[in-house]
Protein backbone atom coordinates (compact mmCIF):
# COMPACT_ATOMS: atom_id res chain seq x y z
CA MET A 1 -49.20 14.10 -147.63
CA PRO A 2 -46.91 11.13 -147.31
CA ARG A 3 -47.84 8.16 -145.10
CA ILE A 4 -45.36 6.93 -142.44
CA ASN A 5 -45.68 3.46 -141.00
CA LEU A 6 -44.77 3.65 -137.26
CA LEU A 7 -45.61 0.03 -136.37
CA PRO A 8 -42.05 -1.35 -136.63
CA TRP A 9 -40.71 1.41 -134.45
CA ARG A 10 -43.37 0.93 -131.78
CA GLU A 11 -42.83 -2.81 -131.85
CA ALA A 12 -39.12 -2.30 -131.35
CA GLU A 13 -39.80 0.15 -128.52
CA ARG A 14 -42.03 -2.36 -126.77
CA LYS A 15 -39.38 -5.05 -127.12
CA ARG A 16 -36.76 -2.70 -125.73
CA LYS A 17 -38.94 -1.76 -122.76
CA ARG A 18 -39.78 -5.41 -122.20
CA GLN A 19 -36.09 -6.31 -122.19
CA GLU A 20 -35.33 -3.46 -119.80
CA PHE A 21 -38.12 -4.63 -117.51
CA LEU A 22 -36.87 -8.19 -117.60
CA LEU A 23 -33.35 -7.02 -116.95
CA SER A 24 -34.53 -4.85 -114.07
CA LEU A 25 -36.60 -7.76 -112.72
CA GLY A 26 -33.64 -10.12 -113.03
CA ALA A 27 -31.37 -7.61 -111.34
CA ALA A 28 -33.91 -7.18 -108.53
CA VAL A 29 -34.26 -10.96 -108.13
CA ALA A 30 -30.48 -11.38 -108.18
CA THR A 31 -30.07 -8.55 -105.67
CA ALA A 32 -32.75 -10.07 -103.42
CA GLY A 33 -31.11 -13.49 -103.71
CA LEU A 34 -27.70 -12.02 -102.94
CA VAL A 35 -29.10 -10.13 -99.94
CA THR A 36 -30.84 -13.30 -98.75
CA LEU A 37 -27.67 -15.32 -99.21
CA LEU A 38 -25.60 -12.75 -97.35
CA GLY A 39 -28.19 -12.63 -94.55
CA HIS A 40 -28.22 -16.42 -94.34
CA VAL A 41 -24.43 -16.54 -94.25
CA GLN A 42 -24.32 -13.85 -91.57
CA MET A 43 -27.01 -15.59 -89.48
CA SER A 44 -25.23 -18.92 -89.86
CA SER A 45 -21.98 -17.28 -88.80
CA ALA A 46 -23.68 -15.66 -85.79
CA ILE A 47 -25.33 -18.96 -84.83
CA GLN A 48 -22.03 -20.81 -85.14
CA HIS A 49 -20.31 -18.15 -83.08
CA GLN A 50 -23.00 -18.49 -80.41
CA HIS A 51 -22.59 -22.27 -80.47
CA ASP A 52 -18.86 -21.84 -80.00
CA ARG A 53 -19.49 -19.50 -77.08
CA ASN A 54 -21.97 -21.96 -75.58
CA ASP A 55 -19.44 -24.78 -75.93
CA TYR A 56 -16.78 -22.62 -74.29
CA LEU A 57 -19.12 -21.71 -71.45
CA THR A 58 -20.08 -25.36 -71.02
CA GLN A 59 -16.41 -26.34 -70.75
CA GLU A 60 -15.72 -23.54 -68.29
CA ILE A 61 -18.78 -24.49 -66.20
CA ALA A 62 -17.62 -28.11 -66.16
CA ALA A 63 -14.15 -26.99 -65.03
CA LEU A 64 -15.70 -24.80 -62.33
CA ASP A 65 -17.93 -27.67 -61.19
CA LYS A 66 -14.84 -29.84 -60.89
CA GLN A 67 -13.05 -27.15 -58.89
CA ILE A 68 -16.10 -26.71 -56.65
CA GLU A 69 -16.19 -30.46 -56.10
CA GLU A 70 -12.51 -30.42 -55.15
CA ILE A 71 -13.10 -27.46 -52.82
CA ASN A 72 -16.03 -29.28 -51.19
CA GLY A 73 -13.80 -32.31 -50.76
CA LEU A 74 -11.13 -30.14 -49.15
CA ASP A 75 -13.74 -28.55 -46.89
CA ALA A 76 -14.97 -31.98 -45.81
CA GLN A 77 -11.39 -33.09 -45.20
CA LYS A 78 -10.77 -29.89 -43.23
CA ARG A 79 -13.85 -30.54 -41.08
CA ARG A 80 -12.70 -34.11 -40.43
CA LEU A 81 -9.22 -32.89 -39.47
CA LEU A 82 -10.69 -30.21 -37.20
CA ALA A 83 -12.93 -32.82 -35.57
CA ARG A 84 -9.93 -35.09 -35.01
CA MET A 85 -7.92 -32.20 -33.61
CA GLU A 86 -10.77 -31.35 -31.27
CA ILE A 87 -10.97 -34.97 -30.11
CA ILE A 88 -7.21 -35.06 -29.58
CA GLU A 89 -7.32 -31.79 -27.63
CA THR A 90 -10.20 -33.12 -25.54
CA LEU A 91 -8.27 -36.29 -24.81
CA GLN A 92 -5.18 -34.29 -23.93
CA ARG A 93 -7.21 -32.10 -21.58
CA SER A 94 -8.93 -35.10 -20.01
CA ARG A 95 -5.69 -37.06 -19.57
CA PRO A 96 -4.82 -35.51 -16.20
CA GLU A 97 -8.49 -35.59 -15.18
CA ILE A 98 -8.74 -39.37 -15.37
CA VAL A 99 -5.67 -39.62 -13.14
CA HIS A 100 -7.44 -37.44 -10.57
CA VAL A 101 -10.59 -39.53 -10.95
CA PHE A 102 -8.77 -42.80 -10.27
CA ASP A 103 -6.98 -41.23 -7.33
CA GLU A 104 -10.32 -39.92 -6.07
CA LEU A 105 -11.91 -43.35 -6.38
CA VAL A 106 -9.30 -44.72 -4.03
CA ARG A 107 -9.99 -41.88 -1.58
CA VAL A 108 -13.79 -42.17 -1.59
CA LEU A 109 -13.83 -45.96 -1.37
CA PRO A 110 -14.71 -46.81 2.25
CA GLU A 111 -13.31 -49.76 4.14
CA GLY A 112 -15.14 -52.96 3.40
CA VAL A 113 -16.04 -51.98 -0.20
CA TYR A 114 -14.25 -53.49 -3.21
CA LEU A 115 -14.71 -52.60 -6.85
CA THR A 116 -14.84 -55.39 -9.42
CA TYR A 117 -15.83 -53.45 -12.54
CA LEU A 118 -15.35 -49.92 -13.81
CA ARG A 119 -16.46 -48.46 -17.12
CA GLN A 120 -16.42 -44.88 -18.39
CA SER A 121 -18.76 -43.52 -21.07
CA GLY A 122 -18.10 -39.82 -21.59
CA ILE A 123 -18.35 -38.28 -18.14
CA ARG A 124 -20.44 -41.14 -16.73
CA PHE A 125 -18.92 -44.01 -14.74
CA GLU A 126 -20.44 -47.38 -14.07
CA LEU A 127 -19.14 -48.93 -10.85
CA ARG A 128 -19.71 -52.51 -9.75
CA GLY A 129 -18.38 -54.04 -6.62
CA VAL A 130 -18.87 -55.94 -3.39
CA ALA A 131 -19.53 -54.43 0.05
CA GLN A 132 -19.68 -56.01 3.45
CA SER A 133 -23.12 -54.47 3.94
CA SER A 134 -25.56 -52.08 2.29
CA THR A 135 -24.48 -49.47 4.85
CA ARG A 136 -21.03 -49.48 3.29
CA VAL A 137 -22.64 -48.85 -0.10
CA SER A 138 -24.50 -45.85 1.34
CA SER A 139 -21.25 -44.52 2.79
CA PHE A 140 -19.60 -44.97 -0.60
CA MET A 141 -22.36 -42.94 -2.25
CA ARG A 142 -22.05 -40.16 0.34
CA ASN A 143 -18.31 -40.00 -0.27
CA ILE A 144 -18.91 -39.74 -4.04
CA ASP A 145 -21.43 -36.97 -3.52
CA ALA A 146 -18.91 -35.05 -1.40
CA SER A 147 -16.08 -35.63 -3.86
CA GLN A 148 -14.60 -32.85 -5.98
CA TRP A 149 -14.09 -35.11 -9.00
CA LEU A 150 -17.21 -37.28 -8.84
CA ALA A 151 -20.86 -36.37 -8.40
CA ASP A 152 -24.47 -37.51 -8.70
CA PRO A 153 -24.18 -41.12 -7.45
CA THR A 154 -27.13 -43.25 -8.53
CA LEU A 155 -27.61 -46.75 -7.14
CA GLN A 156 -28.99 -49.08 -9.75
CA ILE A 157 -28.99 -52.39 -7.93
CA VAL A 158 -27.82 -53.91 -4.65
CA GLU A 159 -28.12 -57.64 -3.99
CA SER A 160 -27.46 -59.58 -0.86
CA ARG A 161 -24.77 -62.23 -1.09
CA ALA A 162 -26.15 -64.39 1.73
CA LYS A 163 -25.56 -67.56 -0.31
CA ASP A 164 -21.90 -66.67 -0.64
CA SER A 165 -19.58 -67.71 2.17
CA THR A 166 -18.22 -64.16 2.41
CA GLY A 167 -21.69 -62.64 2.80
CA GLY A 168 -22.10 -58.92 2.12
CA ALA A 169 -23.83 -57.36 -0.90
CA SER A 170 -23.00 -56.76 -4.55
CA PHE A 171 -23.95 -53.41 -6.03
CA THR A 172 -24.02 -51.44 -9.26
CA LEU A 173 -24.08 -47.65 -9.22
CA PHE A 174 -23.41 -44.78 -11.58
CA ALA A 175 -21.59 -41.50 -11.01
CA ASN A 176 -20.68 -38.48 -13.12
CA GLN A 177 -17.31 -36.80 -13.43
CA ARG A 178 -17.05 -33.17 -12.45
CA ARG A 179 -15.52 -31.25 -15.33
CA GLN A 180 -14.41 -28.21 -13.31
CA ALA A 181 -13.05 -29.27 -9.99
CA SER A 182 -11.92 -26.82 -7.36
CA ALA A 183 -9.03 -29.12 -6.46
CA GLU A 184 -6.94 -27.76 -9.32
CA ASP A 185 -7.72 -24.12 -8.52
CA ASP A 186 -6.72 -24.19 -4.86
CA PRO A 187 -5.02 -27.43 -3.74
CA VAL A 188 -4.51 -26.05 -0.23
CA GLU A 189 -8.16 -25.38 0.45
CA ALA A 190 -9.33 -28.51 -1.34
CA PRO A 191 -8.86 -30.97 1.57
CA ALA A 192 -10.57 -28.58 3.98
CA GLY A 193 -13.50 -28.10 1.63
CA LYS A 194 -13.72 -31.81 1.08
CA ALA A 195 -13.75 -32.44 4.82
CA LYS A 196 -16.53 -29.86 5.24
CA LYS A 197 -18.60 -31.59 2.56
CA LYS A 198 -18.11 -35.00 4.20
CA ALA A 199 -19.03 -33.56 7.57
CA ALA A 200 -22.16 -31.97 6.14
CA ALA A 201 -23.08 -35.24 4.44
CA LYS A 202 -22.77 -37.13 7.72
């Protein structure tokens, strides 16, 4: 029986299998590296895209904040204009009222009483003057209380002017303006009503 030496063939087979394994391992490593590289590139692209979106949103938010600030400024300006318009309308409405008030002051001022100072703060009037006697001051207050344009007389101070050659008394009193007077509603009945109030006060 002849002898066959199989060692060289087995050695060559092992080398071939080893080379195939190394090639397979290299291919697997290369594939894994390629997949990792592609994943990294994709993630980097996604992150960059998200950064771009964030930058865009930041710019849009800044633009909206600027618009909101402008709108708030316009709202504040609108409120200021409305407040001015309201003040102007109030002044326009009160313009004829002050004429009635001055006319009423002349009417309610009794003989022997002279005003030296008049100041208005809102609907409140401060009246200073000189009277021949304190009785005249009381009559003045009664006339104010019966007036259709003035109300709530309050005497703050009355001082005798005995040292003065003219005598009499100096006084300071406050009164309020009536906002809704019946004199405008019915000018015919106003004098009669006023006379009734004066009569009742007396």
